[in-house]
């Protein structure tokens, strides 16, 4: 659960972080959610301003409370990690859910992980699978892999090896190393099974 990056936020302008932070502050103070989030990131990374996690969280919260999904996710992340605010899994789950319900795939995946572990929410494999599916359908490789694991084990969903392989393949196509490894193992097992059947 890492803070989201925003690589295009300078839109080709020279990366003068101090100037960017100054412009973000002006817009953020007028209530612009994107600027509030970007100013939070500037404080988080120490870009153009002194690194200050408390300020980062303060600006994430302002944007999150106005409904910006990426800020809601970032605030949830801070509650999960307990770096700038006291660790609070219930708050993490609450903010992840707000972002997840807006379709933010990273929040959907991390909320699913909380349902797997039972941190901040009651442990519930079916709900975990449901959130993994939401993220997986948007192309989140980690969610695709974990949904594959769930189908392979019958955890939270009915056992279905065809579905498992389908999700593993989608994750593998995006370079997910563990998904590639599992597909390779499953392929070897299927080949061995065919060869064994051919001998009897």
Foldseek 3Di string as FASTA:
>chain_A
DDQDDDVCPVVPPPQQQLVLLVVLVVVVVVQDLVSLQVNLVCLCVVGSHRNDNLSSLVSLVSSVVVQDLSSLQNNLVCLCVVPNHRNAQLSSLVSLVSSVVVLDLVSLQVNLVCLCVVRSHRNAQLSSLVSLVSNVVVQDLVSLQVNLVCLCVVTNHHNDNVSSLVSLVSSVVVVDVVSVVVNVVVVVVVVVVVVVVVVD
